[in-house]
Each structure stands twice: as structure tokens, then as C-alpha cells.
Amino acid sequence: MKPKKNSPFWISKTLSQMSPDEWESLCDGCGKCCLHKLEDAESGKTWYTNVACKLLDTDTGRCRHYEDRQQIVPDCINLSLDGLQEYDWLPSSCAYRRLAEHKSLPDWHPLISKEAVSVQRAGQSVCQRVIPESQADDLEQHIITWIR
């Protein structure tokens, strides 16, 4: 079934057809990808922690130095179409993952709701739910289950 002529870009285009601005606007700003994660060596399962990257503002859930983040934190991941198949660690709520899996955006996504605050209202933001990495010791003690 073809999308309607006036459908929003995330419905009418594939991820590879999106402009850089469209691609960037898919990010809902939840901050989940900015949390430290652990991978189980045997199962390959990814476990999220409540420990945020040093650049994440834990009150707003936004990166303090988004444009320069990869220079400051070299292992910061820049989501791109090239590696999207390897991003199965992204939360199930992530627009990039959802669209790659041919799923719709949730109603709380800012592109749908037209409000950035809808992410927090829906309980999808890490805002005020995580701690800075400077306050964490053993990451295994900080595993959380509220992100899937």
C-alpha cells in the first residue's frame, strides 16, 4: 500500500531517502542512547544502565555539546543509515529502529505530538531518571529494566 500524497516524510520516505534535517528530526531527544550499556558476552543481550554520558544534561535529557560530541567523547555513536542494521541495541521506542523495522512512530513522538515535552509526559525520557557517569562506580550495579 502506497502512502498518501501528502503523508509526512517519515511515512512517505524510506530512511535512505530522508534529507539530513529529516533524519535528525527523527530523534525524539529521549536520551536513552546516551546511557552506558553493558553487553552480555554469552547472549549478546544489551543491558541499559542509569548512568549517563558525561555530556548528557540529566535535568533536560539533552547533550550539552551535541555538535562536538564525537570530538569530546570519541566512542559516541553517530547514528547513520550505514550502520542501522547493527543498532539493535537501540530501545524499541527509538524512531530510527521503529522505522527500520517498518513500525509507526508512537503518538508521543514530537513529530506526531508537535511538542518536545510529550516525550517526558509519556515517561520515555531519561530526564531526571539517571545519574552522571562521575557519580557511578561499577556499572553492573546500575542496570535498569525500564528501557526495552
Protein backbone atom coordinates (compact mmCIF):
# COMPACT_ATOMS: atom_id res chain seq x y z
CA MET A 1 0.00 0.00 0.00
CA LYS A 2 1.43 3.36 -1.05
CA PRO A 3 1.44 6.32 1.32
CA LYS A 4 -0.93 9.17 0.57
CA LYS A 5 0.48 12.03 -1.45
CA ASN A 6 0.54 14.47 1.48
CA SER A 7 1.85 11.96 4.03
CA PRO A 8 4.56 13.12 6.44
CA PHE A 9 8.11 12.37 5.33
CA TRP A 10 8.58 9.54 7.85
CA ILE A 11 5.69 7.73 6.18
CA SER A 12 6.31 8.68 2.55
CA LYS A 13 10.09 8.16 2.53
CA THR A 14 12.41 5.36 3.47
CA LEU A 15 15.23 6.15 5.88
CA SER A 16 17.67 6.26 2.96
CA GLN A 17 15.54 8.84 1.13
CA MET A 18 15.47 11.30 4.02
CA SER A 19 17.39 14.55 3.99
CA PRO A 20 19.89 15.17 6.80
CA ASP A 21 17.39 17.50 8.51
CA GLU A 22 14.61 14.92 8.25
CA TRP A 23 16.93 12.22 9.60
CA GLU A 24 17.95 14.40 12.53
CA SER A 25 14.33 15.29 13.34
CA LEU A 26 13.55 11.62 13.91
CA CYS A 27 15.43 11.81 17.19
CA ASP A 28 12.87 12.35 19.95
CA GLY A 29 15.52 13.52 22.42
CA CYS A 30 14.80 10.79 24.97
CA GLY A 31 18.50 10.39 25.82
CA LYS A 32 18.35 6.60 26.06
CA CYS A 33 21.13 6.15 23.54
CA CYS A 34 23.33 8.36 25.76
CA LEU A 35 23.28 5.90 28.64
CA HIS A 36 26.11 3.49 29.33
CA LYS A 37 25.23 -0.01 28.27
CA LEU A 38 26.61 -3.44 29.06
CA GLU A 39 26.57 -6.39 26.70
CA ASP A 40 26.25 -9.96 27.93
CA ALA A 41 29.19 -11.76 26.29
CA GLU A 42 27.30 -15.06 26.04
CA SER A 43 23.84 -13.96 24.91
CA GLY A 44 24.72 -10.67 23.21
CA LYS A 45 21.87 -9.02 25.12
CA THR A 46 22.28 -5.32 25.83
CA TRP A 47 21.59 -4.04 29.32
CA TYR A 48 20.98 -0.35 29.88
CA THR A 49 22.24 1.40 32.99
CA ASN A 50 21.03 4.56 34.66
CA VAL A 51 24.48 6.08 34.07
CA ALA A 52 24.56 8.91 31.55
CA CYS A 53 27.37 10.02 29.29
CA LYS A 54 29.29 12.94 30.76
CA LEU A 55 27.81 15.21 28.09
CA LEU A 56 24.17 14.44 28.84
CA ASP A 57 22.37 17.04 30.90
CA THR A 58 20.46 14.78 33.28
CA ASP A 59 17.88 17.50 34.01
CA THR A 60 16.95 18.19 30.39
CA GLY A 61 17.90 14.86 28.78
CA ARG A 62 19.86 16.69 26.07
CA CYS A 63 23.52 16.61 25.06
CA ARG A 64 25.43 19.64 26.27
CA HIS A 65 27.78 19.61 23.26
CA TYR A 66 25.80 17.83 20.54
CA GLU A 67 27.68 19.24 17.54
CA ASP A 68 31.11 18.45 19.02
CA ARG A 69 30.19 15.31 20.94
CA GLN A 70 32.32 12.91 18.91
CA GLN A 71 35.44 15.01 19.41
CA ILE A 72 34.81 15.15 23.16
CA VAL A 73 33.63 11.54 23.55
CA PRO A 74 35.30 9.58 20.72
CA ASP A 75 33.15 6.46 21.21
CA CYS A 76 29.91 8.45 21.00
CA ILE A 77 27.84 6.82 18.30
CA ASN A 78 26.68 8.86 15.35
CA LEU A 79 23.57 7.10 14.13
CA SER A 80 23.65 6.77 10.39
CA LEU A 81 21.90 4.72 7.77
CA ASP A 82 25.10 2.79 7.08
CA GLY A 83 25.12 1.04 10.44
CA LEU A 84 21.42 0.93 11.22
CA GLN A 85 21.25 -2.86 10.90
CA GLU A 86 23.75 -3.06 13.77
CA TYR A 87 21.72 -0.82 16.04
CA ASP A 88 19.53 -3.50 17.55
CA TRP A 89 20.69 -2.17 20.92
CA LEU A 90 18.56 0.93 20.36
CA PRO A 91 15.45 0.94 22.52
CA SER A 92 12.26 -0.35 20.96
CA SER A 93 10.83 3.17 21.27
CA CYS A 94 13.55 4.71 19.05
CA ALA A 95 12.23 6.19 15.81
CA TYR A 96 15.26 5.03 13.81
CA ARG A 97 14.78 1.47 14.96
CA ARG A 98 10.99 1.58 14.61
CA LEU A 99 11.11 2.90 11.04
CA ALA A 100 13.84 0.41 10.08
CA GLU A 101 11.50 -2.31 11.40
CA HIS A 102 8.59 -0.82 9.40
CA LYS A 103 6.74 0.28 12.51
CA SER A 104 4.97 3.59 13.05
CA LEU A 105 6.08 6.37 15.32
CA PRO A 106 4.40 6.40 18.74
CA ASP A 107 1.78 9.06 19.47
CA TRP A 108 4.11 10.78 21.96
CA HIS A 109 6.87 11.33 19.36
CA PRO A 110 7.40 15.10 18.85
CA LEU A 111 6.84 14.77 15.09
CA ILE A 112 3.33 13.47 15.88
CA SER A 113 2.50 15.42 19.04
CA LYS A 114 4.18 18.66 17.88
CA GLU A 115 5.50 19.04 21.46
CA ALA A 116 9.00 18.15 22.66
CA VAL A 117 7.66 17.75 26.20
CA SER A 118 5.47 14.84 25.07
CA VAL A 119 8.50 12.56 25.42
CA GLN A 120 8.76 13.35 29.13
CA ARG A 121 4.98 13.20 29.63
CA ALA A 122 4.93 9.70 28.18
CA GLY A 123 7.71 8.58 30.52
CA GLN A 124 10.08 7.99 27.61
CA SER A 125 12.83 10.43 28.59
CA VAL A 126 15.82 9.70 30.80
CA CYS A 127 15.45 13.25 32.12
CA GLN A 128 15.83 13.27 35.93
CA ARG A 129 15.92 9.44 35.99
CA VAL A 130 19.65 8.92 35.53
CA ILE A 131 22.94 9.90 37.12
CA PRO A 132 26.11 11.36 35.59
CA GLU A 133 28.96 8.93 34.96
CA SER A 134 31.05 10.85 37.51
CA GLN A 135 28.73 9.53 40.25
CA ALA A 136 28.84 5.87 39.20
CA ASP A 137 31.24 3.13 40.18
CA ASP A 138 30.53 -0.40 38.97
CA LEU A 139 28.15 -0.21 36.00
CA GLU A 140 26.73 -3.63 36.83
CA GLN A 141 25.26 -2.06 39.97
CA HIS A 142 23.33 0.41 37.81
CA ILE A 143 21.47 -1.90 35.41
CA ILE A 144 17.88 -0.80 34.76
CA THR A 145 14.94 -2.61 33.24
CA TRP A 146 12.63 0.29 32.35
CA ILE A 147 14.18 0.54 28.87
CA ARG A 148 13.46 -2.24 26.40
